[in-house]
């Protein structure tokens, strides 16, 4: 299987989760922008305007980002990069024109889509956003 996938499992405070994602192959080359909407899947979707394919930085399409259903206790976003990539950075951003963002998340990766391995950084919890428009 040539597919190389990355999954973000997010946890958050009392605000709805919303995410924009950018995966960087080199510090100046964003991987998520050219990926089609079908490369993004999620545990749930609030409504169609909040679909996983909108989980890209500076996204103004749809509702301005991905959001899961309110009842989703363990929201996750999966990105299929299409081929094996060396990812050197991950950036997140809240949903455009809202007060929705993720405050922390876990990053896991797999080349099979079944056996996920955590990417460890400070106990496997990555710091997310404190404001909707800032890129972290």
C-alpha atoms as a PDB file:
ATOM      1  CA  UNK A   1       0.000   0.000   0.000  1.00  0.00           C
ATOM      2  CA  UNK A   2       1.570   3.320  -1.089  1.00  0.00           C
ATOM      3  CA  UNK A   3      -0.815   5.408   0.972  1.00  0.00           C
ATOM      4  CA  UNK A   4       0.748   7.439   3.799  1.00  0.00           C
ATOM      5  CA  UNK A   5      -1.767   8.886   6.209  1.00  0.00           C
ATOM      6  CA  UNK A   6      -1.657  11.213   9.162  1.00  0.00           C
ATOM      7  CA  UNK A   7      -4.433  11.438  11.717  1.00  0.00           C
ATOM      8  CA  UNK A   8      -4.983  14.143  14.272  1.00  0.00           C
ATOM      9  CA  UNK A   9      -6.995  13.228  17.330  1.00  0.00           C
ATOM     10  CA  UNK A  10      -8.131  16.431  19.017  1.00  0.00           C
ATOM     11  CA  UNK A  11      -9.352  17.252  22.483  1.00  0.00           C
ATOM     12  CA  UNK A  12     -10.581  20.684  23.417  1.00  0.00           C
ATOM     13  CA  UNK A  13     -12.020  22.999  26.072  1.00  0.00           C
ATOM     14  CA  UNK A  14     -15.682  24.088  26.202  1.00  0.00           C
ATOM     15  CA  UNK A  15     -15.728  25.492  22.667  1.00  0.00           C
ATOM     16  CA  UNK A  16     -16.728  23.525  19.562  1.00  0.00           C
ATOM     17  CA  UNK A  17     -13.760  22.052  17.762  1.00  0.00           C
ATOM     18  CA  UNK A  18     -12.790  23.493  14.446  1.00  0.00           C
ATOM     19  CA  UNK A  19      -9.573  23.018  12.606  1.00  0.00           C
ATOM     20  CA  UNK A  20      -7.551  24.230   9.710  1.00  0.00           C
ATOM     21  CA  UNK A  21      -4.571  22.055   8.961  1.00  0.00           C
ATOM     22  CA  UNK A  22      -1.374  22.541   7.059  1.00  0.00           C
ATOM     23  CA  UNK A  23       1.237  19.808   6.740  1.00  0.00           C
ATOM     24  CA  UNK A  24       4.601  20.980   5.470  1.00  0.00           C
ATOM     25  CA  UNK A  25       7.027  18.828   3.492  1.00  0.00           C
ATOM     26  CA  UNK A  26       9.625  21.572   3.532  1.00  0.00           C
ATOM     27  CA  UNK A  27       9.141  24.676   5.621  1.00  0.00           C
ATOM     28  CA  UNK A  28       8.011  26.651   2.594  1.00  0.00           C
ATOM     29  CA  UNK A  29       5.863  24.029   0.837  1.00  0.00           C
ATOM     30  CA  UNK A  30       2.370  23.335   2.246  1.00  0.00           C
ATOM     31  CA  UNK A  31       1.061  19.831   1.529  1.00  0.00           C
ATOM     32  CA  UNK A  32      -2.589  20.268   2.467  1.00  0.00           C
ATOM     33  CA  UNK A  33      -3.500  22.992  -0.051  1.00  0.00           C
ATOM     34  CA  UNK A  34      -3.223  20.857  -3.209  1.00  0.00           C
ATOM     35  CA  UNK A  35      -4.912  17.853  -1.576  1.00  0.00           C
ATOM     36  CA  UNK A  36      -8.495  17.217  -2.742  1.00  0.00           C
ATOM     37  CA  UNK A  37     -11.420  17.302  -0.295  1.00  0.00           C
ATOM     38  CA  UNK A  38     -11.559  13.500  -0.556  1.00  0.00           C
ATOM     39  CA  UNK A  39      -8.103  13.228   1.092  1.00  0.00           C
ATOM     40  CA  UNK A  40      -9.674  14.463   4.351  1.00  0.00           C
ATOM     41  CA  UNK A  41     -11.935  12.242   6.469  1.00  0.00           C
ATOM     42  CA  UNK A  42     -13.209  12.733  10.005  1.00  0.00           C
ATOM     43  CA  UNK A  43     -14.987  11.046  12.893  1.00  0.00           C
ATOM     44  CA  UNK A  44     -18.080  13.173  12.236  1.00  0.00           C
ATOM     45  CA  UNK A  45     -19.218  16.377  10.536  1.00  0.00           C
ATOM     46  CA  UNK A  46     -21.386  19.097  12.094  1.00  0.00           C
ATOM     47  CA  UNK A  47     -23.083  19.809   8.727  1.00  0.00           C
ATOM     48  CA  UNK A  48     -21.888  19.656   5.106  1.00  0.00           C
ATOM     49  CA  UNK A  49     -20.440  23.186   5.265  1.00  0.00           C
ATOM     50  CA  UNK A  50     -18.078  21.969   8.009  1.00  0.00           C
ATOM     51  CA  UNK A  51     -16.758  18.994   6.007  1.00  0.00           C
ATOM     52  CA  UNK A  52     -13.223  17.675   6.641  1.00  0.00           C
ATOM     53  CA  UNK A  53     -12.077  18.927   3.225  1.00  0.00           C
ATOM     54  CA  UNK A  54     -12.357  22.480   4.581  1.00  0.00           C
ATOM     55  CA  UNK A  55      -9.638  21.761   7.184  1.00  0.00           C
ATOM     56  CA  UNK A  56      -7.004  23.910   5.473  1.00  0.00           C
ATOM     57  CA  UNK A  57      -5.315  27.124   6.588  1.00  0.00           C
ATOM     58  CA  UNK A  58      -6.997  30.406   5.661  1.00  0.00           C
ATOM     59  CA  UNK A  59     -10.069  28.525   4.423  1.00  0.00           C
ATOM     60  CA  UNK A  60     -13.080  30.701   3.730  1.00  0.00           C
ATOM     61  CA  UNK A  61     -15.050  28.124   1.770  1.00  0.00           C
ATOM     62  CA  UNK A  62     -17.940  26.273   3.372  1.00  0.00           C
ATOM     63  CA  UNK A  63     -18.289  27.300   7.015  1.00  0.00           C
ATOM     64  CA  UNK A  64     -14.591  28.201   7.121  1.00  0.00           C
ATOM     65  CA  UNK A  65     -13.192  24.945   8.523  1.00  0.00           C
ATOM     66  CA  UNK A  66     -13.980  21.451   9.753  1.00  0.00           C
ATOM     67  CA  UNK A  67     -16.134  20.901  12.846  1.00  0.00           C
ATOM     68  CA  UNK A  68     -17.398  17.589  14.257  1.00  0.00           C
ATOM     69  CA  UNK A  69     -20.866  16.981  15.661  1.00  0.00           C
ATOM     70  CA  UNK A  70     -21.386  18.311  19.184  1.00  0.00           C
ATOM     71  CA  UNK A  71     -22.028  14.752  20.382  1.00  0.00           C
ATOM     72  CA  UNK A  72     -18.648  13.478  19.080  1.00  0.00           C
ATOM     73  CA  UNK A  73     -16.698  12.640  22.249  1.00  0.00           C
ATOM     74  CA  UNK A  74     -13.494  11.653  20.428  1.00  0.00           C
ATOM     75  CA  UNK A  75     -13.213  13.801  17.286  1.00  0.00           C
ATOM     76  CA  UNK A  76     -10.473  13.046  14.799  1.00  0.00           C
ATOM     77  CA  UNK A  77      -9.351  14.228  11.392  1.00  0.00           C
ATOM     78  CA  UNK A  78      -7.451  12.001   8.962  1.00  0.00           C
ATOM     79  CA  UNK A  79      -5.431  13.269   6.012  1.00  0.00           C
ATOM     80  CA  UNK A  80      -4.323  10.905   3.242  1.00  0.00           C
ATOM     81  CA  UNK A  81      -1.160  12.382   1.760  1.00  0.00           C
ATOM     82  CA  UNK A  82      -1.341  10.006  -1.216  1.00  0.00           C
ATOM     83  CA  UNK A  83       2.287   8.905  -0.947  1.00  0.00           C
ATOM     84  CA  UNK A  84       4.976   8.717   1.718  1.00  0.00           C
ATOM     85  CA  UNK A  85       6.104  12.184   2.802  1.00  0.00           C
ATOM     86  CA  UNK A  86       8.466  13.512   5.430  1.00  0.00           C
ATOM     87  CA  UNK A  87       6.330  16.013   7.332  1.00  0.00           C
ATOM     88  CA  UNK A  88       8.447  18.647   9.088  1.00  0.00           C
ATOM     89  CA  UNK A  89       5.711  20.857  10.549  1.00  0.00           C
ATOM     90  CA  UNK A  90       2.004  20.896  11.349  1.00  0.00           C
ATOM     91  CA  UNK A  91       0.063  24.155  11.689  1.00  0.00           C
ATOM     92  CA  UNK A  92      -3.467  24.652  13.018  1.00  0.00           C
ATOM     93  CA  UNK A  93      -5.902  27.560  12.882  1.00  0.00           C
ATOM     94  CA  UNK A  94      -9.433  28.105  14.154  1.00  0.00           C
ATOM     95  CA  UNK A  95     -12.492  28.245  11.940  1.00  0.00           C
ATOM     96  CA  UNK A  96     -12.702  31.443   9.916  1.00  0.00           C
ATOM     97  CA  UNK A  97     -14.969  34.162  11.342  1.00  0.00           C
ATOM     98  CA  UNK A  98     -15.848  32.210  14.501  1.00  0.00           C
ATOM     99  CA  UNK A  99     -14.750  31.482  18.041  1.00  0.00           C
ATOM    100  CA  UNK A 100     -14.117  27.795  17.258  1.00  0.00           C
ATOM    101  CA  UNK A 101     -10.650  26.258  17.510  1.00  0.00           C
ATOM    102  CA  UNK A 102      -8.794  23.320  19.003  1.00  0.00           C
ATOM    103  CA  UNK A 103      -6.594  23.931  22.052  1.00  0.00           C
ATOM    104  CA  UNK A 104      -4.626  20.681  21.963  1.00  0.00           C
ATOM    105  CA  UNK A 105      -4.303  17.555  19.842  1.00  0.00           C
ATOM    106  CA  UNK A 106      -2.422  14.308  19.317  1.00  0.00           C
ATOM    107  CA  UNK A 107      -0.690  13.397  16.050  1.00  0.00           C
ATOM    108  CA  UNK A 108      -0.510   9.807  14.846  1.00  0.00           C
ATOM    109  CA  UNK A 109       0.770   8.427  11.554  1.00  0.00           C
ATOM    110  CA  UNK A 110       0.435   5.233   9.537  1.00  0.00           C
ATOM    111  CA  UNK A 111       1.440   3.849   6.172  1.00  0.00           C
ATOM    112  CA  UNK A 112      -1.352   1.247   6.230  1.00  0.00           C
ATOM    113  CA  UNK A 113      -4.299   3.206   7.619  1.00  0.00           C
ATOM    114  CA  UNK A 114      -4.669   0.583  10.376  1.00  0.00           C
ATOM    115  CA  UNK A 115      -1.587   0.506  12.620  1.00  0.00           C
ATOM    116  CA  UNK A 116      -1.262   4.036  14.005  1.00  0.00           C
ATOM    117  CA  UNK A 117       1.890   5.241  15.739  1.00  0.00           C
ATOM    118  CA  UNK A 118       1.985   8.373  17.900  1.00  0.00           C
ATOM    119  CA  UNK A 119       4.386  11.124  16.982  1.00  0.00           C
ATOM    120  CA  UNK A 120       5.857  12.042  20.353  1.00  0.00           C
ATOM    121  CA  UNK A 121       6.370  15.637  21.391  1.00  0.00           C
ATOM    122  CA  UNK A 122       6.126  16.631  25.055  1.00  0.00           C
ATOM    123  CA  UNK A 123       4.045  13.646  26.092  1.00  0.00           C
ATOM    124  CA  UNK A 124       2.234  13.315  22.754  1.00  0.00           C
ATOM    125  CA  UNK A 125      -0.034  16.345  23.338  1.00  0.00           C
ATOM    126  CA  UNK A 126       0.510  19.234  20.946  1.00  0.00           C
ATOM    127  CA  UNK A 127      -0.547  22.778  21.774  1.00  0.00           C
ATOM    128  CA  UNK A 128      -3.268  24.116  19.492  1.00  0.00           C
ATOM    129  CA  UNK A 129      -4.810  27.552  19.247  1.00  0.00           C
ATOM    130  CA  UNK A 130      -5.865  30.246  21.712  1.00  0.00           C
ATOM    131  CA  UNK A 131      -7.454  32.488  19.063  1.00  0.00           C
ATOM    132  CA  UNK A 132      -9.339  31.619  15.882  1.00  0.00           C
ATOM    133  CA  UNK A 133      -7.272  33.397  13.232  1.00  0.00           C
ATOM    134  CA  UNK A 134      -3.740  32.820  14.524  1.00  0.00           C
ATOM    135  CA  UNK A 135      -1.768  30.019  12.908  1.00  0.00           C
ATOM    136  CA  UNK A 136       0.025  27.839  15.452  1.00  0.00           C
END
